[in-house]
């Protein structure tokens, strides 16, 4: 008898098959037993009628505990009322391991209990849906850049210096060479890659030692960072909006079932299409003033401010040209106004905040040296980075997209902790 997956059922209607997985749920009704099987590809209702199976099989359907590993056999039937449109007219049930007292039951559990049991919580229907959407977003990210001539570049996780500032670094001793740090970003190395390959992207874990407990922060998260030679700020914004449109529309098209499980209001995602609205930092300040928020020019836009701004639009909004003093040393100043950095952020709607941050990079050696001094950074640590301006410098730009923030927004989650399999936060590093 053929062993198949639930996702293959449409090809086996009327045939007897075997499936393997775990008992997701069960219920009884007189002379019938309903066993819900999950196998990672879907969910299947297996129906056992007392007169059609042996006593041992019928009893097994009763004594099998939640999340027991099982093997079922039977005939595949179309059933429009069942989840997935199929059910199994079951004949056999083999218990591989009978699980007793599974800790996560259909009742409500507190979030701390669920996080303590994250290794088991991942099996729940909503968490499976989130992980599948995350997987599809990752594939969409790779497809987008691969199809547009970008080369994937793997950058170090252990680095000798900071990218965004020393206050949010995880430090470790590196043999006899002193300190090393868990990377905050692959950007500086991606710039070197762009000078070699033209267009590159990095995609991997990054670490920020921020003592933040908000729903928007994790200490370990994944980030994708494209970098392109001969790009300016406008090219960067064009790329960002095409990128977001591609990701969101791909998920809407291919993950309808999972979005349905999450009860996501997809009408708010359907608007994510080019062109995205673009406003300057100055215009953002005006929006805040109209909403009774006084933000002094030169101050950074807070998470609450981002929500007010994004609520004015029906899709993500790009905020560009920030005060240079609140931005990183490597961001290029506006030639028409040195107080302005050629930076941009993309704010997601529905209160999800910044999901993309980027800029045109400073390509002038003297200007970059001046920025390094202004930020009190050790020049010797950046000599290799300065070489990129000494030998064949060109205008270039890039950005970083936080994967978990993007997953959280697309899935409509309340907190980033569900957007990654095992979240790391200021108060948690287990399981």
Protein backbone atom coordinates (compact mmCIF):
# COMPACT_ATOMS: atom_id res chain seq x y z
CA UNK A 1 0.00 0.00 0.00
CA UNK A 2 1.35 3.41 -0.97
CA UNK A 3 2.62 5.73 1.78
CA UNK A 4 1.64 9.31 0.91
CA UNK A 5 1.37 12.76 2.46
CA UNK A 6 -1.86 14.65 3.12
CA UNK A 7 -0.88 17.18 0.47
CA UNK A 8 -0.95 14.36 -2.11
CA UNK A 9 -4.54 13.22 -1.41
CA UNK A 10 -6.00 14.78 -4.57
CA UNK A 11 -4.02 12.26 -6.63
CA UNK A 12 -5.37 9.19 -4.78
CA UNK A 13 -9.17 9.60 -4.68
CA UNK A 14 -10.80 6.18 -4.37
CA UNK A 15 -7.51 4.43 -3.59
CA UNK A 16 -6.32 2.80 -0.40
CA UNK A 17 -3.29 4.51 1.08
CA UNK A 18 -1.19 4.78 4.23
CA UNK A 19 -0.30 8.04 5.96
CA UNK A 20 2.00 8.71 8.90
CA UNK A 21 1.93 11.58 11.33
CA UNK A 22 0.54 12.67 14.70
CA UNK A 23 -2.91 12.69 16.28
CA UNK A 24 -3.90 16.34 16.25
CA UNK A 25 -7.37 15.87 17.73
CA UNK A 26 -10.14 13.29 18.04
CA UNK A 27 -13.80 12.97 18.89
CA UNK A 28 -16.30 10.17 19.37
CA UNK A 29 -19.93 9.68 18.46
CA UNK A 30 -21.66 6.34 19.16
CA UNK A 31 -20.35 3.81 16.66
CA UNK A 32 -17.97 6.21 14.93
CA UNK A 33 -14.58 7.64 15.85
CA UNK A 34 -13.00 10.67 14.20
CA UNK A 35 -9.20 10.93 14.29
CA UNK A 36 -7.59 14.12 12.95
CA UNK A 37 -4.15 13.37 11.57
CA UNK A 38 -1.50 15.98 10.89
CA UNK A 39 1.71 15.23 9.02
CA UNK A 40 3.26 18.65 8.43
CA UNK A 41 1.67 19.03 4.99
CA UNK A 42 -1.92 19.32 6.17
CA UNK A 43 -4.74 17.91 8.30
CA UNK A 44 -6.94 14.90 7.52
CA UNK A 45 -10.08 13.55 9.16
CA UNK A 46 -9.93 9.75 9.44
CA UNK A 47 -13.33 8.14 10.06
CA UNK A 48 -13.55 4.76 11.83
CA UNK A 49 -16.95 2.98 11.76
CA UNK A 50 -17.35 0.26 14.38
CA UNK A 51 -18.70 -2.33 11.96
CA UNK A 52 -15.99 -1.74 9.36
CA UNK A 53 -12.87 -2.18 11.50
CA UNK A 54 -11.60 -4.66 14.08
CA UNK A 55 -12.33 -4.16 17.77
CA UNK A 56 -8.62 -3.50 18.41
CA UNK A 57 -8.55 -0.75 15.78
CA UNK A 58 -11.77 0.82 17.09
CA UNK A 59 -10.42 0.74 20.66
CA UNK A 60 -7.09 2.18 19.51
CA UNK A 61 -8.90 5.24 18.22
CA UNK A 62 -10.20 5.76 21.77
CA UNK A 63 -6.98 5.19 23.71
CA UNK A 64 -4.60 7.13 21.48
CA UNK A 65 -3.53 10.38 23.17
CA UNK A 66 -3.10 13.83 21.66
CA UNK A 67 0.17 14.11 19.69
CA UNK A 68 0.71 10.36 19.61
CA UNK A 69 2.65 9.28 16.52
CA UNK A 70 0.46 7.03 14.38
CA UNK A 71 0.05 5.33 11.02
CA UNK A 72 -3.38 5.18 9.39
CA UNK A 73 -4.67 3.29 6.38
CA UNK A 74 -7.89 3.61 4.40
CA UNK A 75 -9.60 4.81 1.24
CA UNK A 76 -9.40 8.44 0.16
CA UNK A 77 -12.76 10.13 -0.33
CA UNK A 78 -13.75 13.60 -1.49
CA UNK A 79 -15.59 15.43 1.27
CA UNK A 80 -16.29 19.15 0.66
CA UNK A 81 -17.23 19.68 4.32
CA UNK A 82 -13.88 18.45 5.59
CA UNK A 83 -10.79 20.62 5.95
CA UNK A 84 -8.86 20.29 2.72
CA UNK A 85 -11.82 18.72 0.91
CA UNK A 86 -10.90 15.07 1.63
CA UNK A 87 -11.30 12.49 4.36
CA UNK A 88 -10.14 8.93 4.93
CA UNK A 89 -12.56 6.01 5.16
CA UNK A 90 -10.18 4.44 7.66
CA UNK A 91 -9.50 0.75 8.15
CA UNK A 92 -6.23 0.59 10.08
CA UNK A 93 -4.60 2.46 12.94
CA UNK A 94 -1.13 1.66 14.21
CA UNK A 95 0.19 3.49 17.27
CA UNK A 96 3.91 4.15 16.89
CA UNK A 97 4.18 5.88 20.28
CA UNK A 98 1.24 6.68 22.52
CA UNK A 99 1.68 10.13 24.07
CA UNK A 100 0.10 10.73 27.46
CA UNK A 101 -0.74 14.02 29.16
CA UNK A 102 0.39 16.28 26.32
CA UNK A 103 0.87 19.63 28.10
CA UNK A 104 -0.68 21.93 25.46
CA UNK A 105 -4.40 21.25 25.40
CA UNK A 106 -7.24 23.03 23.57
CA UNK A 107 -7.78 25.29 26.61
CA UNK A 108 -6.18 28.74 26.86
CA UNK A 109 -2.60 28.89 28.15
CA UNK A 110 -0.58 31.88 29.28
CA UNK A 111 2.12 33.17 26.96
CA UNK A 112 4.94 32.30 29.37
CA UNK A 113 3.73 28.70 29.55
CA UNK A 114 3.56 28.53 25.77
CA UNK A 115 7.06 30.00 25.41
CA UNK A 116 8.41 27.55 27.98
CA UNK A 117 6.95 24.83 25.76
CA UNK A 118 7.82 26.48 22.46
CA UNK A 119 9.25 23.18 21.17
CA UNK A 120 5.72 21.75 21.44
CA UNK A 121 3.76 24.94 20.75
CA UNK A 122 5.23 24.89 17.22
CA UNK A 123 2.91 21.95 16.47
CA UNK A 124 -0.27 24.01 16.89
CA UNK A 125 -2.26 24.92 13.82
CA UNK A 126 -1.56 28.67 13.90
CA UNK A 127 2.14 28.24 14.58
CA UNK A 128 2.45 25.80 11.69
CA UNK A 129 0.71 28.33 9.44
CA UNK A 130 3.10 31.10 10.55
CA UNK A 131 6.17 28.94 9.90
CA UNK A 132 4.89 28.01 6.43
CA UNK A 133 4.27 31.66 5.57
CA UNK A 134 7.74 32.52 6.88
CA UNK A 135 9.19 29.83 4.63
CA UNK A 136 7.35 31.24 1.61
CA UNK A 137 8.48 34.77 2.40
CA UNK A 138 12.09 33.55 2.56
CA UNK A 139 11.70 31.88 -0.83
CA UNK A 140 10.10 35.02 -2.28
CA UNK A 141 13.02 37.09 -1.01
CA UNK A 142 15.55 34.81 -2.67
CA UNK A 143 13.53 34.55 -5.88
CA UNK A 144 13.18 38.33 -6.13
CA UNK A 145 16.88 39.08 -5.89
CA UNK A 146 18.05 36.01 -7.80
CA UNK A 147 15.79 36.92 -10.72
CA UNK A 148 17.09 40.49 -10.80
CA UNK A 149 20.79 39.77 -11.12
CA UNK A 150 21.76 39.97 -7.44
CA UNK A 151 24.33 37.50 -6.10
CA UNK A 152 23.87 36.03 -2.62
CA UNK A 153 26.87 36.86 -0.44
CA UNK A 154 27.48 35.27 2.96
CA UNK A 155 29.02 37.68 5.46
CA UNK A 156 30.66 37.07 8.87
CA UNK A 157 28.64 36.62 12.03
CA UNK A 158 31.73 37.39 14.14
CA UNK A 159 33.04 40.86 13.33
CA UNK A 160 35.87 43.04 14.68
CA UNK A 161 33.88 46.26 14.97
CA UNK A 162 30.40 47.77 15.21
CA UNK A 163 28.20 48.85 12.32
CA UNK A 164 25.41 50.75 14.06
CA UNK A 165 27.08 51.79 17.34
CA UNK A 166 28.76 50.05 20.25
CA UNK A 167 25.88 50.21 22.75
CA UNK A 168 23.97 47.29 21.24
CA UNK A 169 26.74 44.74 20.69
CA UNK A 170 27.16 41.23 22.03
CA UNK A 171 30.87 40.93 22.81
CA UNK A 172 33.02 37.83 23.07
CA UNK A 173 36.75 37.14 23.44
CA UNK A 174 38.37 36.10 20.17
CA UNK A 175 41.47 34.03 20.94
CA UNK A 176 44.52 36.35 21.28
CA UNK A 177 43.09 39.07 19.05
CA UNK A 178 40.95 40.76 21.68
CA UNK A 179 37.21 41.27 21.35
CA UNK A 180 34.87 40.20 18.59
CA UNK A 181 31.18 40.98 18.25
CA UNK A 182 28.07 39.23 16.98
CA UNK A 183 27.10 41.05 13.82
CA UNK A 184 24.49 43.79 13.81
CA UNK A 185 24.42 43.80 10.01
CA UNK A 186 26.18 42.40 6.96
CA UNK A 187 26.04 45.77 5.22
CA UNK A 188 29.67 46.89 5.32
CA UNK A 189 30.79 43.57 3.86
CA UNK A 190 27.98 43.74 1.30
CA UNK A 191 29.39 47.06 0.12
CA UNK A 192 32.67 45.28 -0.62
CA UNK A 193 30.68 42.63 -2.48
CA UNK A 194 28.86 45.25 -4.54
CA UNK A 195 32.20 46.67 -5.69
CA UNK A 196 33.15 43.18 -6.89
CA UNK A 197 29.83 41.86 -8.24
CA UNK A 198 27.72 44.95 -8.90
CA UNK A 199 24.58 43.79 -7.06
CA UNK A 200 24.61 41.52 -4.01
CA UNK A 201 22.42 40.59 -1.07
CA UNK A 202 23.17 39.09 2.32
CA UNK A 203 20.63 37.03 4.23
CA UNK A 204 21.27 35.73 7.71
CA UNK A 205 20.96 36.16 11.47
CA UNK A 206 21.85 39.45 13.14
CA UNK A 207 22.09 40.41 16.80
CA UNK A 208 21.20 43.56 18.75
CA UNK A 209 21.81 43.80 22.49
CA UNK A 210 19.05 46.36 22.98
CA UNK A 211 17.41 46.21 26.40
CA UNK A 212 14.00 46.51 24.83
CA UNK A 213 10.85 44.65 25.77
CA UNK A 214 8.55 45.95 23.06
CA UNK A 215 6.59 43.71 20.71
CA UNK A 216 8.79 44.93 17.84
CA UNK A 217 12.15 43.76 19.20
CA UNK A 218 14.13 40.53 19.33
CA UNK A 219 17.80 40.13 20.25
CA UNK A 220 18.37 37.65 17.43
CA UNK A 221 16.61 38.10 14.11
CA UNK A 222 17.09 37.55 10.39
CA UNK A 223 17.76 40.33 7.94
CA UNK A 224 18.11 40.53 4.17
CA UNK A 225 20.34 43.32 2.91
CA UNK A 226 20.70 44.15 -0.80
CA UNK A 227 23.51 46.45 -1.90
CA UNK A 228 23.97 47.79 -5.43
CA UNK A 229 26.70 49.77 -7.17
CA UNK A 230 25.63 52.85 -9.15
CA UNK A 231 22.40 53.13 -7.10
CA UNK A 232 21.25 56.39 -5.56
CA UNK A 233 18.49 57.03 -3.02
CA UNK A 234 15.73 57.03 -5.63
CA UNK A 235 16.94 53.70 -7.06
CA UNK A 236 16.96 52.35 -3.51
CA UNK A 237 13.35 53.40 -2.90
CA UNK A 238 12.29 51.95 -6.26
CA UNK A 239 13.88 48.63 -5.34
CA UNK A 240 12.28 48.58 -1.88
CA UNK A 241 8.75 49.13 -3.14
CA UNK A 242 9.08 46.51 -5.90
CA UNK A 243 10.49 44.11 -3.31
CA UNK A 244 7.61 44.57 -0.84
CA UNK A 245 5.00 44.29 -3.57
CA UNK A 246 6.54 41.01 -4.77
CA UNK A 247 6.67 39.47 -1.29
CA UNK A 248 3.14 40.41 -0.24
CA UNK A 249 1.46 39.54 -3.54
CA UNK A 250 3.25 36.17 -3.61
CA UNK A 251 2.00 35.31 -0.12
CA UNK A 252 -1.55 36.43 -0.97
CA UNK A 253 -1.53 34.24 -4.06
CA UNK A 254 0.09 31.10 -2.66
CA UNK A 255 -0.71 31.01 1.08
CA UNK A 256 -4.48 31.56 1.17
CA UNK A 257 -5.09 28.54 3.41
CA UNK A 258 -2.52 29.59 5.99
CA UNK A 259 -3.72 33.20 6.01
CA UNK A 260 -7.23 31.84 6.57
CA UNK A 261 -6.07 29.77 9.56
CA UNK A 262 -4.61 32.97 11.03
CA UNK A 263 -7.86 34.83 10.27
CA UNK A 264 -5.80 37.54 8.59
CA UNK A 265 -7.74 40.42 7.03
CA UNK A 266 -6.10 40.18 3.61
CA UNK A 267 -7.90 43.24 2.22
CA UNK A 268 -5.28 45.36 3.97
CA UNK A 269 -2.50 43.46 2.24
CA UNK A 270 -4.05 43.65 -1.21
CA UNK A 271 -3.20 47.38 -1.33
CA UNK A 272 0.54 46.68 -1.15
CA UNK A 273 1.35 47.60 -4.72
CA UNK A 274 3.56 50.15 -6.43
CA UNK A 275 3.86 53.04 -6.19
CA UNK A 276 4.19 53.42 -2.43
CA UNK A 277 3.65 56.91 -1.02
CA UNK A 278 6.88 58.79 -0.31
CA UNK A 279 7.19 61.60 2.21
CA UNK A 280 10.19 63.48 3.53
CA UNK A 281 11.11 63.62 7.21
CA UNK A 282 9.88 67.24 7.17
CA UNK A 283 6.51 66.11 5.82
CA UNK A 284 6.36 63.40 8.49
CA UNK A 285 6.88 66.08 11.14
CA UNK A 286 3.94 68.03 9.68
CA UNK A 287 1.71 64.93 9.81
CA UNK A 288 2.59 64.49 13.49
CA UNK A 289 1.84 68.15 14.22
CA UNK A 290 -1.60 67.78 12.63
CA UNK A 291 -2.16 64.84 14.98
CA UNK A 292 -1.15 66.88 18.07
CA UNK A 293 2.34 65.36 18.37
CA UNK A 294 5.13 67.89 18.75
CA UNK A 295 8.41 66.44 17.52
CA UNK A 296 11.38 68.75 17.46
CA UNK A 297 13.25 68.74 14.16
CA UNK A 298 16.35 66.56 14.51
CA UNK A 299 14.74 64.03 16.85
CA UNK A 300 14.13 60.45 15.76
CA UNK A 301 10.64 59.21 14.98
CA UNK A 302 9.42 56.86 17.71
CA UNK A 303 7.41 53.67 17.28
CA UNK A 304 4.25 55.46 18.36
CA UNK A 305 4.98 58.25 15.88
CA UNK A 306 5.50 55.69 13.10
CA UNK A 307 2.03 54.30 13.80
CA UNK A 308 0.44 57.75 13.52
CA UNK A 309 2.23 58.41 10.23
CA UNK A 310 1.45 55.02 8.68
CA UNK A 311 -2.22 55.30 9.68
CA UNK A 312 -2.56 58.10 7.13
CA UNK A 313 -1.99 55.64 4.27
CA UNK A 314 -3.56 52.41 2.99
CA UNK A 315 -0.19 50.77 2.24
CA UNK A 316 3.42 51.03 3.44
CA UNK A 317 4.89 54.53 3.32
CA UNK A 318 8.49 55.53 2.61
CA UNK A 319 9.95 58.28 4.80
CA UNK A 320 13.16 59.74 3.37
CA UNK A 321 15.82 62.41 3.93
CA UNK A 322 16.33 62.31 7.70
CA UNK A 323 18.46 64.64 9.81
CA UNK A 324 22.05 63.44 9.42
CA UNK A 325 22.81 63.69 13.14
CA UNK A 326 20.43 60.82 13.98
CA UNK A 327 21.71 58.52 11.24
CA UNK A 328 24.72 56.21 10.89
CA UNK A 329 28.18 57.43 9.88
CA UNK A 330 28.14 55.69 6.50
CA UNK A 331 25.03 57.46 5.17
CA UNK A 332 25.67 60.05 2.48
CA UNK A 333 24.77 63.67 3.15
CA UNK A 334 22.48 65.48 0.74
CA UNK A 335 24.74 67.65 -1.49
CA UNK A 336 22.07 70.36 -1.40
CA UNK A 337 21.77 70.30 2.41
CA UNK A 338 24.55 68.72 4.52
CA UNK A 339 22.20 68.53 7.51
CA UNK A 340 20.19 65.88 5.68
CA UNK A 341 21.16 62.23 5.19
CA UNK A 342 20.04 60.41 2.04
CA UNK A 343 18.31 57.81 4.16
CA UNK A 344 14.93 56.13 3.91
CA UNK A 345 12.70 53.92 6.05
CA UNK A 346 9.63 51.96 5.00
CA UNK A 347 6.86 51.94 7.60
CA UNK A 348 4.34 49.11 7.49
CA UNK A 349 0.66 49.91 8.12
CA UNK A 350 -1.50 48.66 11.02
CA UNK A 351 1.05 49.72 13.64
CA UNK A 352 3.85 47.36 12.59
CA UNK A 353 6.42 50.11 12.21
CA UNK A 354 9.71 50.14 10.35
CA UNK A 355 10.34 47.03 8.27
CA UNK A 356 13.01 48.47 5.95
CA UNK A 357 15.82 50.90 6.69
CA UNK A 358 18.41 51.99 4.17
CA UNK A 359 20.37 54.77 2.52
CA UNK A 360 22.68 55.90 -0.18
CA UNK A 361 26.19 55.29 1.18
CA UNK A 362 28.92 57.90 1.49
CA UNK A 363 31.21 57.24 -1.48
CA UNK A 364 33.62 60.15 -0.93
CA UNK A 365 36.75 59.19 1.03
CA UNK A 366 37.28 62.55 2.72
CA UNK A 367 33.65 62.83 3.75
CA UNK A 368 33.65 59.30 5.17
CA UNK A 369 36.82 60.01 7.15
CA UNK A 370 35.13 63.08 8.60
CA UNK A 371 32.05 61.05 9.57
CA UNK A 372 34.18 58.42 11.31
CA UNK A 373 35.85 61.15 13.38
CA UNK A 374 32.50 62.78 14.21
CA UNK A 375 31.21 59.45 15.56
CA UNK A 376 34.39 58.82 17.56
CA UNK A 377 35.07 55.57 15.74
CA UNK A 378 38.58 54.07 15.48
CA UNK A 379 39.79 54.72 11.93
CA UNK A 380 42.13 51.73 11.95
CA UNK A 381 39.20 49.36 12.35
CA UNK A 382 37.67 50.73 9.14
CA UNK A 383 40.74 50.90 6.92
CA UNK A 384 39.49 48.02 4.78
CA UNK A 385 36.14 49.80 4.43
CA UNK A 386 37.88 53.02 3.47
CA UNK A 387 39.76 51.13 0.76
CA UNK A 388 36.43 50.77 -1.05
CA UNK A 389 36.55 54.57 -1.47
CA UNK A 390 40.22 54.63 -2.42
CA UNK A 391 39.99 52.11 -5.24
CA UNK A 392 37.19 52.59 -7.74
CA UNK A 393 34.58 54.31 -5.59
CA UNK A 394 31.09 54.74 -7.10
CA UNK A 395 27.68 55.87 -5.84
CA UNK A 396 25.96 52.92 -4.18
CA UNK A 397 22.99 52.23 -1.94
CA UNK A 398 21.20 49.47 -0.07
CA UNK A 399 18.78 48.63 2.69
CA UNK A 400 17.93 46.02 5.27
CA UNK A 401 14.57 44.27 5.74
CA UNK A 402 13.82 42.58 9.04
CA UNK A 403 12.34 39.18 8.31
CA UNK A 404 10.47 38.76 11.59
CA UNK A 405 8.85 42.20 11.40
CA UNK A 406 7.75 41.40 7.87
CA UNK A 407 6.35 37.98 8.88
CA UNK A 408 4.61 39.57 11.86
CA UNK A 409 2.99 42.23 9.68
CA UNK A 410 1.89 39.89 6.88
CA UNK A 411 0.52 37.33 9.37
CA UNK A 412 -1.13 39.98 11.56
CA UNK A 413 0.66 38.87 14.73
CA UNK A 414 0.63 40.73 18.03
CA UNK A 415 4.32 40.09 18.79
CA UNK A 416 7.51 39.19 16.92
CA UNK A 417 8.10 36.21 19.21
CA UNK A 418 5.76 34.08 17.07
CA UNK A 419 7.47 35.05 13.80
CA UNK A 420 10.62 32.98 14.49
CA UNK A 421 10.75 29.33 15.60
CA UNK A 422 12.69 29.95 18.84
CA UNK A 423 12.63 33.62 19.88
CA UNK A 424 15.48 35.23 21.76
CA UNK A 425 14.48 38.22 23.89
CA UNK A 426 16.02 40.23 26.70
CA UNK A 427 14.37 37.95 29.29
CA UNK A 428 14.46 34.63 27.42
CA UNK A 429 17.02 32.41 25.68
CA UNK A 430 15.33 29.03 26.16
CA UNK A 431 14.25 26.53 24.99
